[in-house]
Every structure is written in C-alpha cells, then in structure tokens.
Amino acid sequence: MSTLFYKTKIEHFKMLINGAQDNYVSPVLLVTGGPGVGKSSLVDVPSAGQQQLRMALYGVAAINIDGTSMHALMDIPIEFNK
C-alpha cells in the first residue's frame, strides 16, 4: 500500500517542480486499511503546500489525522431521538 502511495506523491512533486501543464490534475488518493496499518502516518506525509482534504469515517479517526468526519464534511445531520 505505502509503495504506491509514495510513488504517486513523488510523481506529483516531479510534475510540480518541472512546471505542470495547465491541464494537470492532482492525484486523488483513497487510503484504506484495517486498524494499526499506518493510514494516519501516510496522511502525515508533507504535501509541499498543496491543499489536502482529510476526512475519516468517525470523529476520533478524524481528530487523529487533523481532519474532519464524513458527517461534518457532508453536513449530514446526526440526531439522537430518545
């Protein structure tokens, strides 16, 4: 998993350094995996000033990656009717 991630990031940085064309689109990476496999570590790789959308399914995971939860990002209401 991490090899593909790093290769994609390296190619992206090469494009930026060499003067990316106007039609260049930054890659979108979806990082998945079970607990403890290093997803948060991959997200912490420097992005050279590029914007990143950091979203996790749950609030605790979002806090761990300094991101937002899926519900907050998509403005999905959470109601607890008792």
C-alpha atoms as a PDB file:
ATOM      1  CA  MET A   1       0.000   0.000   0.000  1.00  0.00           C
ATOM      2  CA  SER A   2       2.604   2.546   1.013  1.00  0.00           C
ATOM      3  CA  THR A   3       4.809   1.936  -2.057  1.00  0.00           C
ATOM      4  CA  LEU A   4       2.054   3.016  -4.451  1.00  0.00           C
ATOM      5  CA  PHE A   5       1.278   5.992  -2.227  1.00  0.00           C
ATOM      6  CA  TYR A   6       4.877   7.228  -2.195  1.00  0.00           C
ATOM      7  CA  LYS A   7       5.359   6.648  -5.940  1.00  0.00           C
ATOM      8  CA  THR A   8       2.223   8.688  -6.639  1.00  0.00           C
ATOM      9  CA  LYS A   9       3.393  11.517  -4.363  1.00  0.00           C
ATOM     10  CA  ILE A  10       6.870  11.549  -5.945  1.00  0.00           C
ATOM     11  CA  GLU A  11       5.443  11.725  -9.470  1.00  0.00           C
ATOM     12  CA  HIS A  12       3.130  14.527  -8.350  1.00  0.00           C
ATOM     13  CA  PHE A  13       6.026  16.546  -6.903  1.00  0.00           C
ATOM     14  CA  LYS A  14       8.086  15.981 -10.065  1.00  0.00           C
ATOM     15  CA  MET A  15       5.215  17.393 -12.131  1.00  0.00           C
ATOM     16  CA  LEU A  16       5.033  20.451  -9.881  1.00  0.00           C
ATOM     17  CA  ILE A  17       8.804  21.040  -9.915  1.00  0.00           C
ATOM     18  CA  ASN A  18       9.074  20.635 -13.685  1.00  0.00           C
ATOM     19  CA  GLY A  19       6.197  23.005 -14.324  1.00  0.00           C
ATOM     20  CA  ALA A  20       2.950  21.108 -14.605  1.00  0.00           C
ATOM     21  CA  GLN A  21       0.800  21.829 -17.611  1.00  0.00           C
ATOM     22  CA  ASP A  22      -2.397  23.813 -17.229  1.00  0.00           C
ATOM     23  CA  ASN A  23      -4.462  20.682 -17.724  1.00  0.00           C
ATOM     24  CA  TYR A  24      -2.606  18.718 -14.995  1.00  0.00           C
ATOM     25  CA  VAL A  25      -4.921  17.313 -12.343  1.00  0.00           C
ATOM     26  CA  SER A  26      -3.511  16.370  -8.937  1.00  0.00           C
ATOM     27  CA  PRO A  27      -3.990  12.731  -7.962  1.00  0.00           C
ATOM     28  CA  VAL A  28      -6.755  11.691  -5.599  1.00  0.00           C
ATOM     29  CA  LEU A  29      -5.662   9.082  -3.106  1.00  0.00           C
ATOM     30  CA  LEU A  30      -8.041   6.986  -1.032  1.00  0.00           C
ATOM     31  CA  VAL A  31      -6.173   5.443   1.883  1.00  0.00           C
ATOM     32  CA  THR A  32      -7.885   2.378   3.333  1.00  0.00           C
ATOM     33  CA  GLY A  33      -6.912  -0.456   5.621  1.00  0.00           C
ATOM     34  CA  GLY A  34      -7.546  -2.087   8.953  1.00  0.00           C
ATOM     35  CA  PRO A  35      -6.637  -0.712  12.364  1.00  0.00           C
ATOM     36  CA  GLY A  36      -2.949  -0.176  13.034  1.00  0.00           C
ATOM     37  CA  VAL A  37      -1.678  -0.472   9.453  1.00  0.00           C
ATOM     38  CA  GLY A  38      -0.372   3.108   9.230  1.00  0.00           C
ATOM     39  CA  LYS A  39      -3.081   5.065   7.419  1.00  0.00           C
ATOM     40  CA  SER A  40      -2.597   8.115   9.655  1.00  0.00           C
ATOM     41  CA  SER A  41       1.168   8.007   9.054  1.00  0.00           C
ATOM     42  CA  LEU A  42       0.626   8.174   5.294  1.00  0.00           C
ATOM     43  CA  VAL A  43      -1.681  11.153   5.653  1.00  0.00           C
ATOM     44  CA  ASP A  44       1.043  12.995   7.604  1.00  0.00           C
ATOM     45  CA  VAL A  45       3.453  12.892   4.649  1.00  0.00           C
ATOM     46  CA  PRO A  46       4.220  16.526   3.746  1.00  0.00           C
ATOM     47  CA  SER A  47       2.191  17.879   0.862  1.00  0.00           C
ATOM     48  CA  ALA A  48       4.534  20.725  -0.220  1.00  0.00           C
ATOM     49  CA  GLY A  49       1.945  23.392   0.427  1.00  0.00           C
ATOM     50  CA  GLN A  50      -0.744  21.632  -1.600  1.00  0.00           C
ATOM     51  CA  GLN A  51      -4.252  21.523  -0.214  1.00  0.00           C
ATOM     52  CA  GLN A  52      -5.411  18.256   1.241  1.00  0.00           C
ATOM     53  CA  LEU A  53      -8.886  17.108   2.163  1.00  0.00           C
ATOM     54  CA  ARG A  54      -8.544  14.936   5.219  1.00  0.00           C
ATOM     55  CA  MET A  55     -11.678  13.006   6.017  1.00  0.00           C
ATOM     56  CA  ALA A  56     -12.287   9.998   8.200  1.00  0.00           C
ATOM     57  CA  LEU A  57     -15.422   7.999   8.783  1.00  0.00           C
ATOM     58  CA  TYR A  58     -15.548   8.602  12.530  1.00  0.00           C
ATOM     59  CA  GLY A  59     -14.783  11.588  14.733  1.00  0.00           C
ATOM     60  CA  VAL A  60     -11.893  10.019  16.665  1.00  0.00           C
ATOM     61  CA  ALA A  61     -10.121   8.998  13.466  1.00  0.00           C
ATOM     62  CA  ALA A  62     -10.699  12.499  12.052  1.00  0.00           C
ATOM     63  CA  ILE A  63      -9.096  14.057  15.124  1.00  0.00           C
ATOM     64  CA  ASN A  64      -6.094  11.730  14.751  1.00  0.00           C
ATOM     65  CA  ILE A  65      -5.416  12.979  11.209  1.00  0.00           C
ATOM     66  CA  ASP A  66      -6.271  16.628  11.934  1.00  0.00           C
ATOM     67  CA  GLY A  67      -9.218  16.334   9.581  1.00  0.00           C
ATOM     68  CA  THR A  68     -12.978  16.185   9.647  1.00  0.00           C
ATOM     69  CA  SER A  69     -15.523  13.408   9.904  1.00  0.00           C
ATOM     70  CA  MET A  70     -17.583  12.320   6.926  1.00  0.00           C
ATOM     71  CA  HIS A  71     -20.747  13.559   8.624  1.00  0.00           C
ATOM     72  CA  ALA A  72     -19.321  17.025   9.261  1.00  0.00           C
ATOM     73  CA  LEU A  73     -17.826  17.336   5.774  1.00  0.00           C
ATOM     74  CA  MET A  74     -21.047  16.412   4.024  1.00  0.00           C
ATOM     75  CA  ASP A  75     -23.230  18.230   6.558  1.00  0.00           C
ATOM     76  CA  ILE A  76     -25.147  15.053   7.365  1.00  0.00           C
ATOM     77  CA  PRO A  77     -27.349  15.712  10.402  1.00  0.00           C
ATOM     78  CA  ILE A  78     -26.902  13.445  13.381  1.00  0.00           C
ATOM     79  CA  GLU A  79     -29.923  13.297  15.652  1.00  0.00           C
ATOM     80  CA  PHE A  80     -30.453  11.200  18.705  1.00  0.00           C
ATOM     81  CA  ASN A  81     -34.165  10.843  19.366  1.00  0.00           C
ATOM     82  CA  LYS A  82     -34.861   9.140  22.645  1.00  0.00           C
END
